[in-house]
Amino acid sequence: DEGFLDSFRELYPTTPYAYTFWTYMMNARAKNVGWRLD
């Protein structure tokens, strides 16, 4: 709100399953059970 933009969502506002972090547990990365933190 202070005049900045999230570059990824600016270009891909509705793209799902786009994550940058996955716990090492429960085979999360292979299942793409993740978070976009970066």
PDB file of all heavy atoms in Angstrom:
ATOM      1  N   ASP A   1       0.815  -1.220   0.000  1.00  0.00           N
ATOM      2  CA  ASP A   1       0.000   0.000   0.000  1.00  0.00           C
ATOM      3  C   ASP A   1       0.845   1.264   0.000  1.00  0.00           C
ATOM      4  O   ASP A   1       0.340   2.349  -0.311  1.00  0.00           O
ATOM      5  CB  ASP A   1      -0.926   0.015   1.220  1.00  0.00           C
ATOM      6  CG  ASP A   1      -2.061  -0.993   1.108  1.00  0.00           C
ATOM      7  OD1 ASP A   1      -2.309  -1.492  -0.013  1.00  0.00           O
ATOM      8  OD2 ASP A   1      -2.683  -1.300   2.145  1.00  0.00           O
ATOM      9  N   GLU A   2       2.125   1.124   0.353  1.00  0.00           N
ATOM     10  CA  GLU A   2       3.013   2.295   0.383  1.00  0.00           C
ATOM     11  C   GLU A   2       3.630   2.592  -0.980  1.00  0.00           C
ATOM     12  O   GLU A   2       4.504   3.454  -1.091  1.00  0.00           O
ATOM     13  CB  GLU A   2       4.122   2.085   1.417  1.00  0.00           C
ATOM     14  CG  GLU A   2       3.639   2.105   2.855  1.00  0.00           C
ATOM     15  CD  GLU A   2       3.180   3.478   3.315  1.00  0.00           C
ATOM     16  OE1 GLU A   2       3.405   4.456   2.582  1.00  0.00           O
ATOM     17  OE2 GLU A   2       2.599   3.567   4.414  1.00  0.00           O
ATOM     18  N   GLY A   3       3.226   1.874  -2.012  1.00  0.00           N
ATOM     19  CA  GLY A   3       3.717   2.181  -3.347  1.00  0.00           C
ATOM     20  C   GLY A   3       4.648   1.137  -3.926  1.00  0.00           C
ATOM     21  O   GLY A   3       5.487   1.450  -4.782  1.00  0.00           O
ATOM     22  N   PHE A   4       4.495  -0.111  -3.471  1.00  0.00           N
ATOM     23  CA  PHE A   4       5.328  -1.200  -3.965  1.00  0.00           C
ATOM     24  C   PHE A   4       4.447  -2.288  -4.571  1.00  0.00           C
ATOM     25  O   PHE A   4       3.238  -2.327  -4.342  1.00  0.00           O
ATOM     26  CB  PHE A   4       6.178  -1.780  -2.829  1.00  0.00           C
ATOM     27  CG  PHE A   4       7.108  -0.776  -2.214  1.00  0.00           C
ATOM     28  CD1 PHE A   4       6.749  -0.090  -1.057  1.00  0.00           C
ATOM     29  CD2 PHE A   4       8.338  -0.508  -2.784  1.00  0.00           C
ATOM     30  CE1 PHE A   4       7.596   0.847  -0.486  1.00  0.00           C
ATOM     31  CE2 PHE A   4       9.199   0.433  -2.232  1.00  0.00           C
ATOM     32  CZ  PHE A   4       8.826   1.108  -1.071  1.00  0.00           C
ATOM     33  N   LEU A   5       5.044  -3.175  -5.344  1.00  0.00           N
ATOM     34  CA  LEU A   5       4.283  -4.268  -5.951  1.00  0.00           C
ATOM     35  C   LEU A   5       5.060  -5.572  -5.868  1.00  0.00           C
ATOM     36  O   LEU A   5       6.294  -5.597  -5.875  1.00  0.00           O
ATOM     37  CB  LEU A   5       3.915  -3.942  -7.401  1.00  0.00           C
ATOM     38  CG  LEU A   5       5.022  -3.627  -8.409  1.00  0.00           C
ATOM     39  CD1 LEU A   5       5.550  -4.906  -9.056  1.00  0.00           C
ATOM     40  CD2 LEU A   5       4.500  -2.701  -9.496  1.00  0.00           C
ATOM     41  N   ASP A   6       4.311  -6.644  -5.746  1.00  0.00           N
ATOM     42  CA  ASP A   6       4.827  -8.008  -5.743  1.00  0.00           C
ATOM     43  C   ASP A   6       4.980  -8.412  -7.203  1.00  0.00           C
ATOM     44  O   ASP A   6       4.002  -8.658  -7.901  1.00  0.00           O
ATOM     45  CB  ASP A   6       3.825  -8.900  -4.998  1.00  0.00           C
ATOM     46  CG  ASP A   6       4.131 -10.391  -5.067  1.00  0.00           C
ATOM     47  OD1 ASP A   6       5.066 -10.790  -5.784  1.00  0.00           O
ATOM     48  OD2 ASP A   6       3.404 -11.152  -4.411  1.00  0.00           O
ATOM     49  N   SER A   7       6.211  -8.491  -7.684  1.00  0.00           N
ATOM     50  CA  SER A   7       6.448  -8.645  -9.123  1.00  0.00           C
ATOM     51  C   SER A   7       5.837  -9.927  -9.679  1.00  0.00           C
ATOM     52  O   SER A   7       5.313  -9.934 -10.801  1.00  0.00           O
ATOM     53  CB  SER A   7       7.943  -8.586  -9.429  1.00  0.00           C
ATOM     54  OG  SER A   7       8.626  -9.672  -8.817  1.00  0.00           O
ATOM     55  N   PHE A   8       5.899 -11.019  -8.913  1.00  0.00           N
ATOM     56  CA  PHE A   8       5.354 -12.280  -9.428  1.00  0.00           C
ATOM     57  C   PHE A   8       3.840 -12.181  -9.591  1.00  0.00           C
ATOM     58  O   PHE A   8       3.283 -12.540 -10.644  1.00  0.00           O
ATOM     59  CB  PHE A   8       5.714 -13.444  -8.505  1.00  0.00           C
ATOM     60  CG  PHE A   8       5.227 -14.776  -9.023  1.00  0.00           C
ATOM     61  CD1 PHE A   8       5.934 -15.455 -10.000  1.00  0.00           C
ATOM     62  CD2 PHE A   8       4.045 -15.330  -8.551  1.00  0.00           C
ATOM     63  CE1 PHE A   8       5.479 -16.673 -10.499  1.00  0.00           C
ATOM     64  CE2 PHE A   8       3.585 -16.544  -9.035  1.00  0.00           C
ATOM     65  CZ  PHE A   8       4.300 -17.218 -10.013  1.00  0.00           C
ATOM     66  N   ARG A   9       3.145 -11.700  -8.573  1.00  0.00           N
ATOM     67  CA  ARG A   9       1.687 -11.598  -8.672  1.00  0.00           C
ATOM     68  C   ARG A   9       1.250 -10.484  -9.616  1.00  0.00           C
ATOM     69  O   ARG A   9       0.147 -10.528 -10.160  1.00  0.00           O
ATOM     70  CB  ARG A   9       1.076 -11.398  -7.288  1.00  0.00           C
ATOM     71  CG  ARG A   9       1.093 -12.659  -6.438  1.00  0.00           C
ATOM     72  CD  ARG A   9       0.201 -13.732  -7.027  1.00  0.00           C
ATOM     73  NE  ARG A   9       0.359 -15.024  -6.325  1.00  0.00           N
ATOM     74  CZ  ARG A   9       0.310 -16.175  -6.916  1.00  0.00           C
ATOM     75  NH1 ARG A   9       0.126 -16.267  -8.229  1.00  0.00           N
ATOM     76  NH2 ARG A   9       0.454 -17.292  -6.228  1.00  0.00           N
ATOM     77  N   GLU A  10       2.107  -9.520  -9.849  1.00  0.00           N
ATOM     78  CA  GLU A  10       1.798  -8.499 -10.853  1.00  0.00           C
ATOM     79  C   GLU A  10       1.668  -9.137 -12.226  1.00  0.00           C
ATOM     80  O   GLU A  10       0.793  -8.774 -13.023  1.00  0.00           O
ATOM     81  CB  GLU A  10       2.902  -7.438 -10.862  1.00  0.00           C
ATOM     82  CG  GLU A  10       2.694  -6.302 -11.837  1.00  0.00           C
ATOM     83  CD  GLU A  10       1.585  -5.349 -11.449  1.00  0.00           C
ATOM     84  OE1 GLU A  10       1.156  -5.358 -10.270  1.00  0.00           O
ATOM     85  OE2 GLU A  10       1.141  -4.571 -12.322  1.00  0.00           O
ATOM     86  N   LEU A  11       2.522 -10.108 -12.507  1.00  0.00           N
ATOM     87  CA  LEU A  11       2.516 -10.764 -13.814  1.00  0.00           C
ATOM     88  C   LEU A  11       1.660 -12.027 -13.853  1.00  0.00           C
ATOM     89  O   LEU A  11       1.128 -12.382 -14.900  1.00  0.00           O
ATOM     90  CB  LEU A  11       3.955 -11.122 -14.207  1.00  0.00           C
ATOM     91  CG  LEU A  11       4.918  -9.943 -14.387  1.00  0.00           C
ATOM     92  CD1 LEU A  11       6.330 -10.459 -14.626  1.00  0.00           C
ATOM     93  CD2 LEU A  11       4.482  -9.037 -15.524  1.00  0.00           C
ATOM     94  N   TYR A  12       1.553 -12.693 -12.716  1.00  0.00           N
ATOM     95  CA  TYR A  12       0.837 -13.971 -12.656  1.00  0.00           C
ATOM     96  C   TYR A  12      -0.157 -13.962 -11.489  1.00  0.00           C
ATOM     97  O   TYR A  12       0.003 -14.702 -10.510  1.00  0.00           O
ATOM     98  CB  TYR A  12       1.840 -15.122 -12.491  1.00  0.00           C
ATOM     99  CG  TYR A  12       2.945 -15.109 -13.523  1.00  0.00           C
ATOM    100  CD1 TYR A  12       4.216 -14.625 -13.212  1.00  0.00           C
ATOM    101  CD2 TYR A  12       2.711 -15.560 -14.819  1.00  0.00           C
ATOM    102  CE1 TYR A  12       5.226 -14.601 -14.166  1.00  0.00           C
ATOM    103  CE2 TYR A  12       3.718 -15.549 -15.774  1.00  0.00           C
ATOM    104  CZ  TYR A  12       4.969 -15.065 -15.446  1.00  0.00           C
ATOM    105  OH  TYR A  12       5.978 -15.041 -16.387  1.00  0.00           O
ATOM    106  N   PRO A  13      -1.187 -13.126 -11.573  1.00  0.00           N
ATOM    107  CA  PRO A  13      -2.069 -12.913 -10.414  1.00  0.00           C
ATOM    108  C   PRO A  13      -2.860 -14.134  -9.970  1.00  0.00           C
ATOM    109  O   PRO A  13      -3.220 -14.226  -8.797  1.00  0.00           O
ATOM    110  CB  PRO A  13      -2.998 -11.791 -10.886  1.00  0.00           C
ATOM    111  CG  PRO A  13      -2.949 -11.844 -12.384  1.00  0.00           C
ATOM    112  CD  PRO A  13      -1.567 -12.274 -12.727  1.00  0.00           C
ATOM    113  N   THR A  14      -3.139 -15.060 -10.872  1.00  0.00           N
ATOM    114  CA  THR A  14      -3.976 -16.208 -10.509  1.00  0.00           C
ATOM    115  C   THR A  14      -3.269 -17.546 -10.668  1.00  0.00           C
ATOM    116  O   THR A  14      -3.911 -18.596 -10.575  1.00  0.00           O
ATOM    117  CB  THR A  14      -5.261 -16.217 -11.360  1.00  0.00           C
ATOM    118  OG1 THR A  14      -4.904 -16.327 -12.754  1.00  0.00           O
ATOM    119  CG2 THR A  14      -6.067 -14.947 -11.154  1.00  0.00           C
ATOM    120  N   THR A  15      -1.965 -17.542 -10.887  1.00  0.00           N
ATOM    121  CA  THR A  15      -1.233 -18.796 -11.080  1.00  0.00           C
ATOM    122  C   THR A  15      -1.110 -19.543  -9.763  1.00  0.00           C
ATOM    123  O   THR A  15      -0.520 -19.024  -8.798  1.00  0.00           O
ATOM    124  CB  THR A  15       0.169 -18.516 -11.647  1.00  0.00           C
ATOM    125  OG1 THR A  15       0.039 -17.888 -12.918  1.00  0.00           O
ATOM    126  CG2 THR A  15       0.958 -19.814 -11.799  1.00  0.00           C
ATOM    127  N   PRO A  16      -1.631 -20.770  -9.677  1.00  0.00           N
ATOM    128  CA  PRO A  16      -1.584 -21.523  -8.421  1.00  0.00           C
ATOM    129  C   PRO A  16      -0.336 -22.393  -8.296  1.00  0.00           C
ATOM    130  O   PRO A  16       0.409 -22.571  -9.261  1.00  0.00           O
ATOM    131  CB  PRO A  16      -2.837 -22.400  -8.511  1.00  0.00           C
ATOM    132  CG  PRO A  16      -2.932 -22.709  -9.988  1.00  0.00           C
ATOM    133  CD  PRO A  16      -2.428 -21.473 -10.706  1.00  0.00           C
ATOM    134  N   TYR A  17      -0.133 -22.923  -7.116  1.00  0.00           N
ATOM    135  CA  TYR A  17       0.906 -23.924  -6.831  1.00  0.00           C
ATOM    136  C   TYR A  17       2.313 -23.398  -7.073  1.00  0.00           C
ATOM    137  O   TYR A  17       3.243 -24.173  -7.291  1.00  0.00           O
ATOM    138  CB  TYR A  17       0.676 -25.197  -7.656  1.00  0.00           C
ATOM    139  CG  TYR A  17      -0.740 -25.690  -7.642  1.00  0.00           C
ATOM    140  CD1 TYR A  17      -1.425 -25.960  -8.829  1.00  0.00           C
ATOM    141  CD2 TYR A  17      -1.430 -25.864  -6.442  1.00  0.00           C
ATOM    142  CE1 TYR A  17      -2.741 -26.404  -8.821  1.00  0.00           C
ATOM    143  CE2 TYR A  17      -2.745 -26.302  -6.426  1.00  0.00           C
ATOM    144  CZ  TYR A  17      -3.389 -26.562  -7.609  1.00  0.00           C
ATOM    145  OH  TYR A  17      -4.690 -26.993  -7.603  1.00  0.00           O
ATOM    146  N   ALA A  18       2.482 -22.089  -7.034  1.00  0.00           N
ATOM    147  CA  ALA A  18       3.794 -21.471  -7.274  1.00  0.00           C
ATOM    148  C   ALA A  18       4.451 -21.215  -5.918  1.00  0.00           C
ATOM    149  O   ALA A  18       4.221 -20.189  -5.286  1.00  0.00           O
ATOM    150  CB  ALA A  18       3.629 -20.164  -8.054  1.00  0.00           C
ATOM    151  N   TYR A  19       5.271 -22.152  -5.487  1.00  0.00           N
ATOM    152  CA  TYR A  19       5.864 -22.088  -4.159  1.00  0.00           C
ATOM    153  C   TYR A  19       7.386 -21.995  -4.242  1.00  0.00           C
ATOM    154  O   TYR A  19       7.993 -22.375  -5.244  1.00  0.00           O
ATOM    155  CB  TYR A  19       5.470 -23.326  -3.350  1.00  0.00           C
ATOM    156  CG  TYR A  19       3.988 -23.605  -3.345  1.00  0.00           C
ATOM    157  CD1 TYR A  19       3.495 -24.884  -3.619  1.00  0.00           C
ATOM    158  CD2 TYR A  19       3.056 -22.589  -3.092  1.00  0.00           C
ATOM    159  CE1 TYR A  19       2.134 -25.152  -3.626  1.00  0.00           C
ATOM    160  CE2 TYR A  19       1.695 -22.846  -3.099  1.00  0.00           C
ATOM    161  CZ  TYR A  19       1.233 -24.122  -3.371  1.00  0.00           C
ATOM    162  OH  TYR A  19      -0.114 -24.383  -3.386  1.00  0.00           O
ATOM    163  N   THR A  20       7.991 -21.491  -3.156  1.00  0.00           N
ATOM    164  CA  THR A  20       9.451 -21.375  -3.115  1.00  0.00           C
ATOM    165  C   THR A  20      10.065 -22.061  -1.907  1.00  0.00           C
ATOM    166  O   THR A  20      11.279 -22.097  -1.768  1.00  0.00           O
ATOM    167  CB  THR A  20       9.879 -19.891  -3.104  1.00  0.00           C
ATOM    168  OG1 THR A  20       9.437 -19.272  -1.880  1.00  0.00           O
ATOM    169  CG2 THR A  20       9.306 -19.142  -4.299  1.00  0.00           C
ATOM    170  N   PHE A  21       9.220 -22.579  -1.002  1.00  0.00           N
ATOM    171  CA  PHE A  21       9.706 -23.265   0.199  1.00  0.00           C
ATOM    172  C   PHE A  21       8.887 -24.523   0.443  1.00  0.00           C
ATOM    173  O   PHE A  21       7.657 -24.517   0.297  1.00  0.00           O
ATOM    174  CB  PHE A  21       9.601 -22.357   1.429  1.00  0.00           C
ATOM    175  CG  PHE A  21       9.744 -23.108   2.733  1.00  0.00           C
ATOM    176  CD1 PHE A  21      11.001 -23.394   3.245  1.00  0.00           C
ATOM    177  CD2 PHE A  21       8.629 -23.541   3.424  1.00  0.00           C
ATOM    178  CE1 PHE A  21      11.127 -24.116   4.440  1.00  0.00           C
ATOM    179  CE2 PHE A  21       8.746 -24.257   4.617  1.00  0.00           C
ATOM    180  CZ  PHE A  21       9.999 -24.539   5.126  1.00  0.00           C
ATOM    181  N   TRP A  22       9.585 -25.597   0.821  1.00  0.00           N
ATOM    182  CA  TRP A  22       8.943 -26.858   1.172  1.00  0.00           C
ATOM    183  C   TRP A  22       9.673 -27.430   2.384  1.00  0.00           C
ATOM    184  O   TRP A  22      10.900 -27.541   2.379  1.00  0.00           O
ATOM    185  CB  TRP A  22       9.042 -27.875   0.035  1.00  0.00           C
ATOM    186  CG  TRP A  22       8.515 -27.383  -1.271  1.00  0.00           C
ATOM    187  CD1 TRP A  22       7.277 -27.631  -1.814  1.00  0.00           C
ATOM    188  CD2 TRP A  22       9.211 -26.574  -2.246  1.00  0.00           C
ATOM    189  NE1 TRP A  22       7.161 -27.019  -3.041  1.00  0.00           N
ATOM    190  CE2 TRP A  22       8.330 -26.359  -3.327  1.00  0.00           C
ATOM    191  CE3 TRP A  22      10.480 -25.994  -2.283  1.00  0.00           C
ATOM    192  CZ2 TRP A  22       8.688 -25.608  -4.444  1.00  0.00           C
ATOM    193  CZ3 TRP A  22      10.834 -25.239  -3.384  1.00  0.00           C
ATOM    194  CH2 TRP A  22       9.950 -25.053  -4.455  1.00  0.00           C
ATOM    195  N   THR A  23       8.926 -27.830   3.411  1.00  0.00           N
ATOM    196  CA  THR A  23       9.572 -28.484   4.542  1.00  0.00           C
ATOM    197  C   THR A  23      10.279 -29.754   4.065  1.00  0.00           C
ATOM    198  O   THR A  23       9.866 -30.394   3.094  1.00  0.00           O
ATOM    199  CB  THR A  23       8.543 -28.833   5.635  1.00  0.00           C
ATOM    200  OG1 THR A  23       9.199 -29.577   6.659  1.00  0.00           O
ATOM    201  CG2 THR A  23       7.385 -29.660   5.083  1.00  0.00           C
ATOM    202  N   TYR A  24      11.357 -30.100   4.766  1.00  0.00           N
ATOM    203  CA  TYR A  24      12.058 -31.340   4.444  1.00  0.00           C
ATOM    204  C   TYR A  24      11.241 -32.569   4.827  1.00  0.00           C
ATOM    205  O   TYR A  24      11.561 -33.687   4.427  1.00  0.00           O
ATOM    206  CB  TYR A  24      13.405 -31.389   5.189  1.00  0.00           C
ATOM    207  CG  TYR A  24      14.476 -30.501   4.602  1.00  0.00           C
ATOM    208  CD1 TYR A  24      15.101 -29.534   5.381  1.00  0.00           C
ATOM    209  CD2 TYR A  24      14.876 -30.639   3.285  1.00  0.00           C
ATOM    210  CE1 TYR A  24      16.103 -28.730   4.862  1.00  0.00           C
ATOM    211  CE2 TYR A  24      15.868 -29.845   2.748  1.00  0.00           C
ATOM    212  CZ  TYR A  24      16.485 -28.886   3.540  1.00  0.00           C
ATOM    213  OH  TYR A  24      17.475 -28.093   3.018  1.00  0.00           O
ATOM    214  N   MET A  25      10.204 -32.378   5.608  1.00  0.00           N
ATOM    215  CA  MET A  25       9.441 -33.501   6.129  1.00  0.00           C
ATOM    216  C   MET A  25       8.321 -33.916   5.179  1.00  0.00           C
ATOM    217  O   MET A  25       7.894 -33.154   4.327  1.00  0.00           O
ATOM    218  CB  MET A  25       8.859 -33.131   7.499  1.00  0.00           C
ATOM    219  CG  MET A  25       9.916 -32.694   8.513  1.00  0.00           C
ATOM    220  SD  MET A  25       9.184 -32.141  10.051  1.00  0.00           S
ATOM    221  CE  MET A  25       8.526 -33.695  10.639  1.00  0.00           C
ATOM    222  N   MET A  26       7.848 -35.146   5.354  1.00  0.00           N
ATOM    223  CA  MET A  26       6.635 -35.655   4.691  1.00  0.00           C
ATOM    224  C   MET A  26       6.699 -35.616   3.166  1.00  0.00           C
ATOM    225  O   MET A  26       5.672 -35.523   2.499  1.00  0.00           O
ATOM    226  CB  MET A  26       5.405 -34.870   5.172  1.00  0.00           C
ATOM    227  CG  MET A  26       5.166 -34.980   6.665  1.00  0.00           C
ATOM    228  SD  MET A  26       3.890 -33.878   7.273  1.00  0.00           S
ATOM    229  CE  MET A  26       4.677 -32.279   7.099  1.00  0.00           C
ATOM    230  N   ASN A  27       7.914 -35.633   2.622  1.00  0.00           N
ATOM    231  CA  ASN A  27       8.078 -35.636   1.170  1.00  0.00           C
ATOM    232  C   ASN A  27       7.356 -34.459   0.523  1.00  0.00           C
ATOM    233  O   ASN A  27       6.782 -34.567  -0.572  1.00  0.00           O
ATOM    234  CB  ASN A  27       7.553 -36.956   0.592  1.00  0.00           C
ATOM    235  CG  ASN A  27       8.168 -37.297  -0.744  1.00  0.00           C
ATOM    236  OD1 ASN A  27       9.280 -36.861  -1.056  1.00  0.00           O
ATOM    237  ND2 ASN A  27       7.462 -38.063  -1.547  1.00  0.00           N
ATOM    238  N   ALA A  28       7.368 -33.317   1.222  1.00  0.00           N
ATOM    239  CA  ALA A  28       6.560 -32.168   0.814  1.00  0.00           C
ATOM    240  C   ALA A  28       6.950 -31.628  -0.565  1.00  0.00           C
ATOM    241  O   ALA A  28       6.081 -31.224  -1.345  1.00  0.00           O
ATOM    242  CB  ALA A  28       6.671 -31.051   1.854  1.00  0.00           C
ATOM    243  N   ARG A  29       8.232 -31.622  -0.861  1.00  0.00           N
ATOM    244  CA  ARG A  29       8.635 -31.031  -2.141  1.00  0.00           C
ATOM    245  C   ARG A  29       8.168 -31.872  -3.318  1.00  0.00           C
ATOM    246  O   ARG A  29       7.701 -31.342  -4.333  1.00  0.00           O
ATOM    247  CB  ARG A  29      10.149 -30.824  -2.195  1.00  0.00           C
ATOM    248  CG  ARG A  29      10.584 -30.027  -3.411  1.00  0.00           C
ATOM    249  CD  ARG A  29      11.910 -29.360  -3.206  1.00  0.00           C
ATOM    250  NE  ARG A  29      12.227 -28.450  -4.290  1.00  0.00           N
ATOM    251  CZ  ARG A  29      13.270 -27.616  -4.289  1.00  0.00           C
ATOM    252  NH1 ARG A  29      14.090 -27.580  -3.255  1.00  0.00           N
ATOM    253  NH2 ARG A  29      13.487 -26.833  -5.318  1.00  0.00           N
ATOM    254  N   ALA A  30       8.282 -33.193  -3.202  1.00  0.00           N
ATOM    255  CA  ALA A  30       7.824 -34.072  -4.290  1.00  0.00           C
ATOM    256  C   ALA A  30       6.326 -33.924  -4.517  1.00  0.00           C
ATOM    257  O   ALA A  30       5.842 -34.052  -5.648  1.00  0.00           O
ATOM    258  CB  ALA A  30       8.173 -35.515  -3.970  1.00  0.00           C
ATOM    259  N   LYS A  31       5.594 -33.628  -3.449  1.00  0.00           N
ATOM    260  CA  LYS A  31       4.146 -33.436  -3.558  1.00  0.00           C
ATOM    261  C   LYS A  31       3.769 -31.990  -3.850  1.00  0.00           C
ATOM    262  O   LYS A  31       2.596 -31.673  -4.025  1.00  0.00           O
ATOM    263  CB  LYS A  31       3.478 -33.868  -2.249  1.00  0.00           C
ATOM    264  CG  LYS A  31       3.689 -35.334  -1.892  1.00  0.00           C
ATOM    265  CD  LYS A  31       3.148 -35.613  -0.498  1.00  0.00           C
ATOM    266  CE  LYS A  31       3.429 -37.043  -0.078  1.00  0.00           C
ATOM    267  NZ  LYS A  31       3.016 -37.290   1.328  1.00  0.00           N
ATOM    268  N   ASN A  32       4.771 -31.112  -3.886  1.00  0.00           N
ATOM    269  CA  ASN A  32       4.573 -29.669  -4.049  1.00  0.00           C
ATOM    270  C   ASN A  32       3.601 -29.118  -2.999  1.00  0.00           C
ATOM    271  O   ASN A  32       2.696 -28.346  -3.297  1.00  0.00           O
ATOM    272  CB  ASN A  32       4.095 -29.303  -5.455  1.00  0.00           C
ATOM    273  CG  ASN A  32       4.300 -27.814  -5.748  1.00  0.00           C
ATOM    274  OD1 ASN A  32       5.183 -27.170  -5.180  1.00  0.00           O
ATOM    275  ND2 ASN A  32       3.482 -27.258  -6.632  1.00  0.00           N
ATOM    276  N   VAL A  33       3.818 -29.520  -1.769  1.00  0.00           N
ATOM    277  CA  VAL A  33       3.073 -28.958  -0.640  1.00  0.00           C
ATOM    278  C   VAL A  33       3.968 -27.870  -0.046  1.00  0.00           C
ATOM    279  O   VAL A  33       4.812 -28.129   0.802  1.00  0.00           O
ATOM    280  CB  VAL A  33       2.740 -30.038   0.403  1.00  0.00           C
ATOM    281  CG1 VAL A  33       1.972 -29.427   1.575  1.00  0.00           C
ATOM    282  CG2 VAL A  33       1.922 -31.145  -0.243  1.00  0.00           C
ATOM    283  N   GLY A  34       3.805 -26.653  -0.543  1.00  0.00           N
ATOM    284  CA  GLY A  34       4.761 -25.609  -0.202  1.00  0.00           C
ATOM    285  C   GLY A  34       4.154 -24.263   0.103  1.00  0.00           C
ATOM    286  O   GLY A  34       2.936 -24.103   0.236  1.00  0.00           O
ATOM    287  N   TRP A  35       5.057 -23.293   0.211  1.00  0.00           N
ATOM    288  CA  TRP A  35       4.730 -21.891   0.510  1.00  0.00           C
ATOM    289  C   TRP A  35       5.519 -20.989  -0.439  1.00  0.00           C
ATOM    290  O   TRP A  35       6.665 -21.292  -0.794  1.00  0.00           O
ATOM    291  CB  TRP A  35       5.150 -21.528   1.926  1.00  0.00           C
ATOM    292  CG  TRP A  35       4.487 -22.263   3.041  1.00  0.00           C
ATOM    293  CD1 TRP A  35       4.394 -23.610   3.220  1.00  0.00           C
ATOM    294  CD2 TRP A  35       3.852 -21.660   4.174  1.00  0.00           C
ATOM    295  NE1 TRP A  35       3.732 -23.889   4.392  1.00  0.00           N
ATOM    296  CE2 TRP A  35       3.397 -22.711   4.996  1.00  0.00           C
ATOM    297  CE3 TRP A  35       3.632 -20.337   4.566  1.00  0.00           C
ATOM    298  CZ2 TRP A  35       2.724 -22.471   6.191  1.00  0.00           C
ATOM    299  CZ3 TRP A  35       2.968 -20.111   5.757  1.00  0.00           C
ATOM    300  CH2 TRP A  35       2.511 -21.168   6.557  1.00  0.00           C
ATOM    301  N   ARG A  36       4.960 -19.863  -0.817  1.00  0.00           N
ATOM    302  CA  ARG A  36       5.727 -18.833  -1.533  1.00  0.00           C
ATOM    303  C   ARG A  36       6.165 -17.797  -0.507  1.00  0.00           C
ATOM    304  O   ARG A  36       5.384 -16.973  -0.062  1.00  0.00           O
ATOM    305  CB  ARG A  36       4.888 -18.187  -2.647  1.00  0.00           C
ATOM    306  CG  ARG A  36       5.733 -17.275  -3.559  1.00  0.00           C
ATOM    307  CD  ARG A  36       4.946 -16.818  -4.773  1.00  0.00           C
ATOM    308  NE  ARG A  36       3.916 -15.864  -4.436  1.00  0.00           N
ATOM    309  CZ  ARG A  36       4.053 -14.529  -4.525  1.00  0.00           C
ATOM    310  NH1 ARG A  36       5.194 -13.999  -4.945  1.00  0.00           N
ATOM    311  NH2 ARG A  36       3.056 -13.740  -4.198  1.00  0.00           N
ATOM    312  N   LEU A  37       7.444 -17.864  -0.143  1.00  0.00           N
ATOM    313  CA  LEU A  37       8.004 -16.979   0.875  1.00  0.00           C
ATOM    314  C   LEU A  37       9.048 -16.024   0.312  1.00  0.00           C
ATOM    315  O   LEU A  37       9.475 -15.103   0.998  1.00  0.00           O
ATOM    316  CB  LEU A  37       8.663 -17.812   1.986  1.00  0.00           C
ATOM    317  CG  LEU A  37       7.769 -18.794   2.753  1.00  0.00           C
ATOM    318  CD1 LEU A  37       8.596 -19.561   3.768  1.00  0.00           C
ATOM    319  CD2 LEU A  37       6.616 -18.084   3.436  1.00  0.00           C
ATOM    320  N   ASP A  38       9.472 -16.251  -0.928  1.00  0.00           N
ATOM    321  CA  ASP A  38      10.579 -15.490  -1.526  1.00  0.00           C
ATOM    322  C   ASP A  38      10.042 -14.580  -2.619  1.00  0.00           C
ATOM    323  O   ASP A  38       9.252 -15.010  -3.469  1.00  0.00           O
ATOM    324  CB  ASP A  38      11.613 -16.459  -2.085  1.00  0.00           C
ATOM    325  CG  ASP A  38      12.133 -17.413  -1.010  1.00  0.00           C
ATOM    326  OD1 ASP A  38      11.461 -18.437  -0.751  1.00  0.00           O
ATOM    327  OD2 ASP A  38      13.174 -17.116  -0.427  1.00  0.00           O
TER     328      ASP A  38
END
